[in-house]
Amino acid sequence: MGFRVEESSYIVINRLTLSYPTIRTYIRQQVVKIIEETYAKPDVIAGVATGGIALGALVAQELGSAFLLYTFRDERSRNAEPNRRSVK
């Protein structure tokens, strides 16, 4: 499994950042700050597999919003309903 660095200037390895409460809290607070300064209060925060689930759940909790877990299905099940779960 590799990373395509040319697609982004930044790479965040969530399994590392989530292991440190101070770093995890800082990232959560900064994402919440950006959301609050840029948008109205969201009803739902979606976490996309795999890297966005933990951060999305933390941000949703901080904002008091519902959290939606969205996972992609492969090409074979393209016509099927997406796998969505919402937790409030």
C-alpha atoms as a PDB file:
ATOM      1  CA  MET A   1       0.000   0.000   0.000  1.00  0.00           C
ATOM      2  CA  GLY A   2       1.541   3.289  -1.036  1.00  0.00           C
ATOM      3  CA  PHE A   3       0.719   6.968  -0.990  1.00  0.00           C
ATOM      4  CA  ARG A   4       0.610   9.152  -4.073  1.00  0.00           C
ATOM      5  CA  VAL A   5       2.361  12.218  -2.745  1.00  0.00           C
ATOM      6  CA  GLU A   6       1.898  14.232  -5.939  1.00  0.00           C
ATOM      7  CA  GLU A   7      -1.863  14.427  -5.277  1.00  0.00           C
ATOM      8  CA  SER A   8      -1.455  16.397  -2.059  1.00  0.00           C
ATOM      9  CA  SER A   9       1.041  18.617  -0.322  1.00  0.00           C
ATOM     10  CA  TYR A  10       0.162  17.049   3.028  1.00  0.00           C
ATOM     11  CA  ILE A  11      -0.180  13.504   4.250  1.00  0.00           C
ATOM     12  CA  VAL A  12      -1.765  12.780   7.614  1.00  0.00           C
ATOM     13  CA  ILE A  13      -1.276   9.280   8.955  1.00  0.00           C
ATOM     14  CA  ASN A  14      -4.375   8.974  11.139  1.00  0.00           C
ATOM     15  CA  ARG A  15      -3.242   5.848  12.919  1.00  0.00           C
ATOM     16  CA  LEU A  16      -0.375   7.937  14.293  1.00  0.00           C
ATOM     17  CA  THR A  17      -2.132  11.241  14.990  1.00  0.00           C
ATOM     18  CA  LEU A  18      -5.063   9.526  16.704  1.00  0.00           C
ATOM     19  CA  SER A  19      -2.669   7.827  19.125  1.00  0.00           C
ATOM     20  CA  TYR A  20      -1.693  11.138  20.731  1.00  0.00           C
ATOM     21  CA  PRO A  21      -4.469  12.960  22.631  1.00  0.00           C
ATOM     22  CA  THR A  22      -2.839  16.392  22.316  1.00  0.00           C
ATOM     23  CA  ILE A  23      -2.438  16.109  18.540  1.00  0.00           C
ATOM     24  CA  ARG A  24      -5.884  14.515  18.123  1.00  0.00           C
ATOM     25  CA  THR A  25      -7.494  17.333  20.130  1.00  0.00           C
ATOM     26  CA  TYR A  26      -5.639  20.023  18.170  1.00  0.00           C
ATOM     27  CA  ILE A  27      -6.709  18.586  14.798  1.00  0.00           C
ATOM     28  CA  ARG A  28     -10.326  18.250  15.975  1.00  0.00           C
ATOM     29  CA  GLN A  29     -10.402  21.816  17.291  1.00  0.00           C
ATOM     30  CA  GLN A  30      -8.929  23.242  14.080  1.00  0.00           C
ATOM     31  CA  VAL A  31     -11.381  21.385  11.843  1.00  0.00           C
ATOM     32  CA  VAL A  32     -14.284  22.537  14.043  1.00  0.00           C
ATOM     33  CA  LYS A  33     -12.975  26.122  13.915  1.00  0.00           C
ATOM     34  CA  ILE A  34     -12.823  26.046  10.104  1.00  0.00           C
ATOM     35  CA  ILE A  35     -16.351  24.634   9.878  1.00  0.00           C
ATOM     36  CA  GLU A  36     -17.760  27.212  12.311  1.00  0.00           C
ATOM     37  CA  GLU A  37     -16.040  30.135  10.549  1.00  0.00           C
ATOM     38  CA  THR A  38     -16.969  29.000   7.048  1.00  0.00           C
ATOM     39  CA  TYR A  39     -20.378  27.335   7.245  1.00  0.00           C
ATOM     40  CA  ALA A  40     -23.578  27.328   9.278  1.00  0.00           C
ATOM     41  CA  LYS A  41     -23.828  24.624  11.952  1.00  0.00           C
ATOM     42  CA  PRO A  42     -24.079  21.312  10.085  1.00  0.00           C
ATOM     43  CA  ASP A  43     -26.809  18.807  10.844  1.00  0.00           C
ATOM     44  CA  VAL A  44     -24.546  15.907   9.911  1.00  0.00           C
ATOM     45  CA  ILE A  45     -20.822  15.242   9.615  1.00  0.00           C
ATOM     46  CA  ALA A  46     -19.902  12.359   7.296  1.00  0.00           C
ATOM     47  CA  GLY A  47     -16.870  10.182   7.813  1.00  0.00           C
ATOM     48  CA  VAL A  48     -15.560   8.429   4.731  1.00  0.00           C
ATOM     49  CA  ALA A  49     -13.638   5.176   5.019  1.00  0.00           C
ATOM     50  CA  THR A  50     -10.933   4.746   5.988  1.00  0.00           C
ATOM     51  CA  GLY A  51      -9.196   7.859   7.216  1.00  0.00           C
ATOM     52  CA  GLY A  52     -12.189  10.097   7.822  1.00  0.00           C
ATOM     53  CA  ILE A  53     -14.192   7.936  10.190  1.00  0.00           C
ATOM     54  CA  ALA A  54     -12.417   8.677  13.475  1.00  0.00           C
ATOM     55  CA  LEU A  55     -11.875  12.374  12.769  1.00  0.00           C
ATOM     56  CA  GLY A  56     -15.437  12.772  11.499  1.00  0.00           C
ATOM     57  CA  ALA A  57     -16.832  11.201  14.665  1.00  0.00           C
ATOM     58  CA  LEU A  58     -14.703  13.470  16.873  1.00  0.00           C
ATOM     59  CA  VAL A  59     -15.736  16.586  14.939  1.00  0.00           C
ATOM     60  CA  ALA A  60     -19.423  15.597  14.972  1.00  0.00           C
ATOM     61  CA  GLN A  61     -19.304  15.131  18.738  1.00  0.00           C
ATOM     62  CA  GLU A  62     -17.628  18.520  19.252  1.00  0.00           C
ATOM     63  CA  LEU A  63     -20.244  20.238  17.064  1.00  0.00           C
ATOM     64  CA  GLY A  64     -23.179  18.345  18.571  1.00  0.00           C
ATOM     65  CA  SER A  65     -24.059  17.068  15.094  1.00  0.00           C
ATOM     66  CA  ALA A  66     -25.102  13.629  13.916  1.00  0.00           C
ATOM     67  CA  PHE A  67     -22.386  11.421  12.424  1.00  0.00           C
ATOM     68  CA  LEU A  68     -22.868   9.552   9.172  1.00  0.00           C
ATOM     69  CA  LEU A  69     -20.581   6.668   8.229  1.00  0.00           C
ATOM     70  CA  TYR A  70     -20.355   6.329   4.475  1.00  0.00           C
ATOM     71  CA  THR A  71     -18.583   3.405   2.852  1.00  0.00           C
ATOM     72  CA  PHE A  72     -18.096   2.916  -0.859  1.00  0.00           C
ATOM     73  CA  ARG A  73     -19.087  -0.270  -2.603  1.00  0.00           C
ATOM     74  CA  ASP A  74     -17.118  -1.705  -5.460  1.00  0.00           C
ATOM     75  CA  GLU A  75     -18.138  -1.678  -9.133  1.00  0.00           C
ATOM     76  CA  ARG A  76     -20.000  -4.996  -8.891  1.00  0.00           C
ATOM     77  CA  SER A  77     -22.587  -3.519  -6.555  1.00  0.00           C
ATOM     78  CA  ARG A  78     -22.829  -0.089  -8.178  1.00  0.00           C
ATOM     79  CA  ASN A  79     -26.613  -0.359  -8.648  1.00  0.00           C
ATOM     80  CA  ALA A  80     -27.206  -1.343  -5.033  1.00  0.00           C
ATOM     81  CA  GLU A  81     -28.094   1.154  -2.312  1.00  0.00           C
ATOM     82  CA  PRO A  82     -25.085   2.718  -0.599  1.00  0.00           C
ATOM     83  CA  ASN A  83     -24.243   1.421   2.856  1.00  0.00           C
ATOM     84  CA  ARG A  84     -25.154   4.346   5.122  1.00  0.00           C
ATOM     85  CA  ARG A  85     -25.585   4.502   8.866  1.00  0.00           C
ATOM     86  CA  SER A  86     -26.401   7.590  10.864  1.00  0.00           C
ATOM     87  CA  VAL A  87     -25.752   7.815  14.584  1.00  0.00           C
ATOM     88  CA  LYS A  88     -26.980  10.715  16.705  1.00  0.00           C
END
